[in-house]
Amino acid sequence: MWEKSLSKDTYTVDEAAKRLGRSPNTIRNWIKNGELRATKVGERGTIIPRQAIVDYAVPPRDVFEFYR
């Protein structure tokens, strides 16, 4: 699965945008709206844990079960 290609533990907004196929502004909006978990680092930095990217990109299994 693609999530195994995420080799780092944390990603920047730009890196997450590339991985998720979205713009950095979209990623920032998701963080601002609480849709994607992230941590502020310093005044301007933001890091996104690998697991947060995986959780956002891969729906919970019961979502698949709902559409069967």
PDB file of N, CA and C in Angstrom:
ATOM      1  N   MET A   1       0.841  -1.186   0.000  1.00  0.00           N
ATOM      2  CA  MET A   1       0.000   0.000   0.000  1.00  0.00           C
ATOM      3  C   MET A   1       0.882   1.243   0.000  1.00  0.00           C
ATOM      4  N   TRP A   2       0.317   2.338  -0.469  1.00  0.00           N
ATOM      5  CA  TRP A   2       1.098   3.566  -0.608  1.00  0.00           C
ATOM      6  C   TRP A   2       1.606   4.099   0.720  1.00  0.00           C
ATOM      7  N   GLU A   3       0.867   3.873   1.813  1.00  0.00           N
ATOM      8  CA  GLU A   3       1.294   4.449   3.088  1.00  0.00           C
ATOM      9  C   GLU A   3       2.636   3.891   3.556  1.00  0.00           C
ATOM     10  N   LYS A   4       3.020   2.727   3.048  1.00  0.00           N
ATOM     11  CA  LYS A   4       4.326   2.171   3.407  1.00  0.00           C
ATOM     12  C   LYS A   4       5.450   2.975   2.764  1.00  0.00           C
ATOM     13  N   SER A   5       5.121   3.781   1.739  1.00  0.00           N
ATOM     14  CA  SER A   5       6.144   4.613   1.109  1.00  0.00           C
ATOM     15  C   SER A   5       6.435   5.870   1.925  1.00  0.00           C
ATOM     16  N   LEU A   6       5.680   6.093   2.982  1.00  0.00           N
ATOM     17  CA  LEU A   6       5.937   7.234   3.862  1.00  0.00           C
ATOM     18  C   LEU A   6       7.039   6.831   4.827  1.00  0.00           C
ATOM     19  N   SER A   7       8.258   7.177   4.475  1.00  0.00           N
ATOM     20  CA  SER A   7       9.405   6.677   5.232  1.00  0.00           C
ATOM     21  C   SER A   7       9.784   7.541   6.425  1.00  0.00           C
ATOM     22  N   LYS A   8       9.310   8.780   6.443  1.00  0.00           N
ATOM     23  CA  LYS A   8       9.655   9.675   7.546  1.00  0.00           C
ATOM     24  C   LYS A   8       8.586   9.607   8.632  1.00  0.00           C
ATOM     25  N   ASP A   9       8.944  10.053   9.835  1.00  0.00           N
ATOM     26  CA  ASP A   9       7.983  10.085  10.935  1.00  0.00           C
ATOM     27  C   ASP A   9       7.121  11.338  10.906  1.00  0.00           C
ATOM     28  N   THR A  10       7.680  12.436  10.385  1.00  0.00           N
ATOM     29  CA  THR A  10       6.937  13.695  10.294  1.00  0.00           C
ATOM     30  C   THR A  10       7.178  14.341   8.934  1.00  0.00           C
ATOM     31  N   TYR A  11       6.208  15.148   8.517  1.00  0.00           N
ATOM     32  CA  TYR A  11       6.263  15.803   7.212  1.00  0.00           C
ATOM     33  C   TYR A  11       5.915  17.276   7.343  1.00  0.00           C
ATOM     34  N   THR A  12       6.456  18.090   6.446  1.00  0.00           N
ATOM     35  CA  THR A  12       6.084  19.494   6.388  1.00  0.00           C
ATOM     36  C   THR A  12       4.762  19.608   5.632  1.00  0.00           C
ATOM     37  N   VAL A  13       4.185  20.789   5.642  1.00  0.00           N
ATOM     38  CA  VAL A  13       2.948  21.020   4.894  1.00  0.00           C
ATOM     39  C   VAL A  13       3.172  20.732   3.412  1.00  0.00           C
ATOM     40  N   ASP A  14       4.272  21.217   2.856  1.00  0.00           N
ATOM     41  CA  ASP A  14       4.552  20.989   1.430  1.00  0.00           C
ATOM     42  C   ASP A  14       4.728  19.501   1.116  1.00  0.00           C
ATOM     43  N   GLU A  15       5.426  18.781   1.977  1.00  0.00           N
ATOM     44  CA  GLU A  15       5.612  17.349   1.761  1.00  0.00           C
ATOM     45  C   GLU A  15       4.289  16.594   1.845  1.00  0.00           C
ATOM     46  N   ALA A  16       3.466  16.943   2.825  1.00  0.00           N
ATOM     47  CA  ALA A  16       2.163  16.294   2.961  1.00  0.00           C
ATOM     48  C   ALA A  16       1.290  16.585   1.744  1.00  0.00           C
ATOM     49  N   ALA A  17       1.357  17.821   1.244  1.00  0.00           N
ATOM     50  CA  ALA A  17       0.573  18.190   0.066  1.00  0.00           C
ATOM     51  C   ALA A  17       0.963  17.322  -1.126  1.00  0.00           C
ATOM     52  N   LYS A  18       2.247  17.118  -1.316  1.00  0.00           N
ATOM     53  CA  LYS A  18       2.710  16.276  -2.424  1.00  0.00           C
ATOM     54  C   LYS A  18       2.233  14.842  -2.252  1.00  0.00           C
ATOM     55  N   ARG A  19       2.329  14.320  -1.035  1.00  0.00           N
ATOM     56  CA  ARG A  19       1.916  12.934  -0.774  1.00  0.00           C
ATOM     57  C   ARG A  19       0.417  12.729  -0.976  1.00  0.00           C
ATOM     58  N   LEU A  20      -0.365  13.730  -0.592  1.00  0.00           N
ATOM     59  CA  LEU A  20      -1.827  13.608  -0.678  1.00  0.00           C
ATOM     60  C   LEU A  20      -2.400  14.154  -1.990  1.00  0.00           C
ATOM     61  N   GLY A  21      -1.541  14.715  -2.824  1.00  0.00           N
ATOM     62  CA  GLY A  21      -2.000  15.226  -4.110  1.00  0.00           C
ATOM     63  C   GLY A  21      -2.877  16.465  -3.990  1.00  0.00           C
ATOM     64  N   ARG A  22      -2.588  17.286  -3.018  1.00  0.00           N
ATOM     65  CA  ARG A  22      -3.354  18.515  -2.760  1.00  0.00           C
ATOM     66  C   ARG A  22      -2.397  19.690  -2.691  1.00  0.00           C
ATOM     67  N   SER A  23      -2.935  20.890  -2.670  1.00  0.00           N
ATOM     68  CA  SER A  23      -2.093  22.079  -2.552  1.00  0.00           C
ATOM     69  C   SER A  23      -1.732  22.308  -1.086  1.00  0.00           C
ATOM     70  N   PRO A  24      -0.619  23.012  -0.844  1.00  0.00           N
ATOM     71  CA  PRO A  24      -0.269  23.352   0.533  1.00  0.00           C
ATOM     72  C   PRO A  24      -1.374  24.150   1.233  1.00  0.00           C
ATOM     73  N   ASN A  25      -2.072  25.005   0.506  1.00  0.00           N
ATOM     74  CA  ASN A  25      -3.172  25.767   1.117  1.00  0.00           C
ATOM     75  C   ASN A  25      -4.298  24.851   1.579  1.00  0.00           C
ATOM     76  N   THR A  26      -4.582  23.818   0.816  1.00  0.00           N
ATOM     77  CA  THR A  26      -5.608  22.849   1.229  1.00  0.00           C
ATOM     78  C   THR A  26      -5.185  22.145   2.507  1.00  0.00           C
ATOM     79  N   ILE A  27      -3.931  21.750   2.574  1.00  0.00           N
ATOM     80  CA  ILE A  27      -3.412  21.090   3.784  1.00  0.00           C
ATOM     81  C   ILE A  27      -3.538  22.027   4.979  1.00  0.00           C
ATOM     82  N   ARG A  28      -3.157  23.292   4.792  1.00  0.00           N
ATOM     83  CA  ARG A  28      -3.275  24.270   5.892  1.00  0.00           C
ATOM     84  C   ARG A  28      -4.730  24.432   6.323  1.00  0.00           C
ATOM     85  N   ASN A  29      -5.653  24.450   5.370  1.00  0.00           N
ATOM     86  CA  ASN A  29      -7.083  24.550   5.711  1.00  0.00           C
ATOM     87  C   ASN A  29      -7.546  23.328   6.487  1.00  0.00           C
ATOM     88  N   TRP A  30      -7.111  22.140   6.080  1.00  0.00           N
ATOM     89  CA  TRP A  30      -7.484  20.923   6.805  1.00  0.00           C
ATOM     90  C   TRP A  30      -6.970  20.981   8.235  1.00  0.00           C
ATOM     91  N   ILE A  31      -5.741  21.478   8.417  1.00  0.00           N
ATOM     92  CA  ILE A  31      -5.177  21.603   9.766  1.00  0.00           C
ATOM     93  C   ILE A  31      -5.991  22.611  10.569  1.00  0.00           C
ATOM     94  N   LYS A  32      -6.261  23.759   9.964  1.00  0.00           N
ATOM     95  CA  LYS A  32      -7.024  24.817  10.639  1.00  0.00           C
ATOM     96  C   LYS A  32      -8.415  24.341  11.053  1.00  0.00           C
ATOM     97  N   ASN A  33      -9.045  23.527  10.204  1.00  0.00           N
ATOM     98  CA  ASN A  33     -10.395  23.022  10.478  1.00  0.00           C
ATOM     99  C   ASN A  33     -10.406  21.773  11.352  1.00  0.00           C
ATOM    100  N   GLY A  34      -9.226  21.295  11.731  1.00  0.00           N
ATOM    101  CA  GLY A  34      -9.148  20.109  12.583  1.00  0.00           C
ATOM    102  C   GLY A  34      -9.307  18.802  11.838  1.00  0.00           C
ATOM    103  N   GLU A  35      -9.247  18.832  10.521  1.00  0.00           N
ATOM    104  CA  GLU A  35      -9.401  17.617   9.725  1.00  0.00           C
ATOM    105  C   GLU A  35      -8.110  16.812   9.625  1.00  0.00           C
ATOM    106  N   LEU A  36      -6.971  17.489   9.814  1.00  0.00           N
ATOM    107  CA  LEU A  36      -5.670  16.835   9.748  1.00  0.00           C
ATOM    108  C   LEU A  36      -4.865  17.275  10.967  1.00  0.00           C
ATOM    109  N   ARG A  37      -4.372  16.307  11.707  1.00  0.00           N
ATOM    110  CA  ARG A  37      -3.619  16.579  12.933  1.00  0.00           C
ATOM    111  C   ARG A  37      -2.222  17.082  12.588  1.00  0.00           C
ATOM    112  N   ALA A  38      -1.791  18.130  13.278  1.00  0.00           N
ATOM    113  CA  ALA A  38      -0.453  18.694  13.066  1.00  0.00           C
ATOM    114  C   ALA A  38       0.001  19.400  14.330  1.00  0.00           C
ATOM    115  N   THR A  39       1.297  19.714  14.380  1.00  0.00           N
ATOM    116  CA  THR A  39       1.888  20.398  15.529  1.00  0.00           C
ATOM    117  C   THR A  39       2.666  21.608  15.040  1.00  0.00           C
ATOM    118  N   LYS A  40       2.459  22.735  15.697  1.00  0.00           N
ATOM    119  CA  LYS A  40       3.230  23.947  15.390  1.00  0.00           C
ATOM    120  C   LYS A  40       4.626  23.804  15.973  1.00  0.00           C
ATOM    121  N   VAL A  41       5.610  24.234  15.202  1.00  0.00           N
ATOM    122  CA  VAL A  41       7.001  24.220  15.639  1.00  0.00           C
ATOM    123  C   VAL A  41       7.557  25.615  15.400  1.00  0.00           C
ATOM    124  N   GLY A  42       7.883  26.293  16.482  1.00  0.00           N
ATOM    125  CA  GLY A  42       8.371  27.659  16.340  1.00  0.00           C
ATOM    126  C   GLY A  42       7.248  28.588  15.908  1.00  0.00           C
ATOM    127  N   GLU A  43       7.632  29.722  15.337  1.00  0.00           N
ATOM    128  CA  GLU A  43       6.631  30.712  14.937  1.00  0.00           C
ATOM    129  C   GLU A  43       5.916  30.348  13.653  1.00  0.00           C
ATOM    130  N   ARG A  44       6.629  29.749  12.700  1.00  0.00           N
ATOM    131  CA  ARG A  44       6.038  29.535  11.388  1.00  0.00           C
ATOM    132  C   ARG A  44       6.003  28.081  10.934  1.00  0.00           C
ATOM    133  N   GLY A  45       6.627  27.193  11.645  1.00  0.00           N
ATOM    134  CA  GLY A  45       6.717  25.812  11.203  1.00  0.00           C
ATOM    135  C   GLY A  45       5.549  24.954  11.656  1.00  0.00           C
ATOM    136  N   THR A  46       5.241  23.968  10.850  1.00  0.00           N
ATOM    137  CA  THR A  46       4.200  22.992  11.175  1.00  0.00           C
ATOM    138  C   THR A  46       4.700  21.628  10.746  1.00  0.00           C
ATOM    139  N   ILE A  47       4.558  20.639  11.623  1.00  0.00           N
ATOM    140  CA  ILE A  47       4.892  19.272  11.253  1.00  0.00           C
ATOM    141  C   ILE A  47       3.644  18.403  11.364  1.00  0.00           C
ATOM    142  N   ILE A  48       3.573  17.453  10.467  1.00  0.00           N
ATOM    143  CA  ILE A  48       2.423  16.554  10.400  1.00  0.00           C
ATOM    144  C   ILE A  48       2.943  15.134  10.604  1.00  0.00           C
ATOM    145  N   PRO A  49       2.454  14.432  11.616  1.00  0.00           N
ATOM    146  CA  PRO A  49       2.910  13.058  11.841  1.00  0.00           C
ATOM    147  C   PRO A  49       2.504  12.138  10.689  1.00  0.00           C
ATOM    148  N   ARG A  50       3.344  11.173  10.406  1.00  0.00           N
ATOM    149  CA  ARG A  50       3.062  10.186   9.362  1.00  0.00           C
ATOM    150  C   ARG A  50       1.677   9.564   9.557  1.00  0.00           C
ATOM    151  N   GLN A  51       1.380   9.186  10.786  1.00  0.00           N
ATOM    152  CA  GLN A  51       0.116   8.518  11.054  1.00  0.00           C
ATOM    153  C   GLN A  51      -1.085   9.416  10.743  1.00  0.00           C
ATOM    154  N   ALA A  52      -0.945  10.719  10.926  1.00  0.00           N
ATOM    155  CA  ALA A  52      -2.037  11.635  10.612  1.00  0.00           C
ATOM    156  C   ALA A  52      -2.325  11.627   9.115  1.00  0.00           C
ATOM    157  N   ILE A  53      -1.270  11.529   8.296  1.00  0.00           N
ATOM    158  CA  ILE A  53      -1.456  11.460   6.846  1.00  0.00           C
ATOM    159  C   ILE A  53      -2.139  10.155   6.471  1.00  0.00           C
ATOM    160  N   VAL A  54      -1.681   9.064   7.051  1.00  0.00           N
ATOM    161  CA  VAL A  54      -2.284   7.756   6.776  1.00  0.00           C
ATOM    162  C   VAL A  54      -3.746   7.743   7.220  1.00  0.00           C
ATOM    163  N   ASP A  55      -4.021   8.244   8.420  1.00  0.00           N
ATOM    164  CA  ASP A  55      -5.397   8.263   8.929  1.00  0.00           C
ATOM    165  C   ASP A  55      -6.307   9.089   8.038  1.00  0.00           C
ATOM    166  N   TYR A  56      -5.801  10.188   7.518  1.00  0.00           N
ATOM    167  CA  TYR A  56      -6.632  11.044   6.668  1.00  0.00           C
ATOM    168  C   TYR A  56      -6.879  10.390   5.313  1.00  0.00           C
ATOM    169  N   ALA A  57      -5.856   9.775   4.755  1.00  0.00           N
ATOM    170  CA  ALA A  57      -5.949   9.240   3.397  1.00  0.00           C
ATOM    171  C   ALA A  57      -6.652   7.894   3.314  1.00  0.00           C
ATOM    172  N   VAL A  58      -6.610   7.117   4.375  1.00  0.00           N
ATOM    173  CA  VAL A  58      -7.203   5.779   4.355  1.00  0.00           C
ATOM    174  C   VAL A  58      -8.412   5.769   5.277  1.00  0.00           C
ATOM    175  N   PRO A  59      -9.614   5.675   4.691  1.00  0.00           N
ATOM    176  CA  PRO A  59     -10.818   5.686   5.525  1.00  0.00           C
ATOM    177  C   PRO A  59     -10.869   4.477   6.461  1.00  0.00           C
ATOM    178  N   PRO A  60     -11.539   4.624   7.591  1.00  0.00           N
ATOM    179  CA  PRO A  60     -11.707   3.484   8.498  1.00  0.00           C
ATOM    180  C   PRO A  60     -12.393   2.318   7.787  1.00  0.00           C
ATOM    181  N   ARG A  61     -12.077   1.132   8.186  1.00  0.00           N
ATOM    182  CA  ARG A  61     -12.612  -0.068   7.527  1.00  0.00           C
ATOM    183  C   ARG A  61     -14.133  -0.084   7.511  1.00  0.00           C
ATOM    184  N   ASP A  62     -14.799   0.394   8.556  1.00  0.00           N
ATOM    185  CA  ASP A  62     -16.249   0.323   8.582  1.00  0.00           C
ATOM    186  C   ASP A  62     -16.899   1.218   7.522  1.00  0.00           C
ATOM    187  N   VAL A  63     -16.163   2.191   6.990  1.00  0.00           N
ATOM    188  CA  VAL A  63     -16.695   2.978   5.869  1.00  0.00           C
ATOM    189  C   VAL A  63     -16.849   2.083   4.664  1.00  0.00           C
ATOM    190  N   PHE A  64     -15.847   1.221   4.431  1.00  0.00           N
ATOM    191  CA  PHE A  64     -15.935   0.276   3.315  1.00  0.00           C
ATOM    192  C   PHE A  64     -17.090  -0.689   3.538  1.00  0.00           C
ATOM    193  N   GLU A  65     -17.264  -1.148   4.745  1.00  0.00           N
ATOM    194  CA  GLU A  65     -18.332  -2.081   5.044  1.00  0.00           C
ATOM    195  C   GLU A  65     -19.705  -1.439   4.773  1.00  0.00           C
ATOM    196  N   PHE A  66     -19.841  -0.154   5.037  1.00  0.00           N
ATOM    197  CA  PHE A  66     -21.099   0.545   4.824  1.00  0.00           C
ATOM    198  C   PHE A  66     -21.515   0.509   3.357  1.00  0.00           C
ATOM    199  N   TYR A  67     -20.534   0.610   2.458  1.00  0.00           N
ATOM    200  CA  TYR A  67     -20.842   0.670   1.022  1.00  0.00           C
ATOM    201  C   TYR A  67     -20.877  -0.685   0.339  1.00  0.00           C
ATOM    202  N   ARG A  68     -20.790  -1.753   1.074  1.00  0.00           N
ATOM    203  CA  ARG A  68     -20.860  -3.106   0.459  1.00  0.00           C
ATOM    204  C   ARG A  68     -22.263  -3.463   0.122  1.00  0.00           C
TER     205      ARG A  68
END
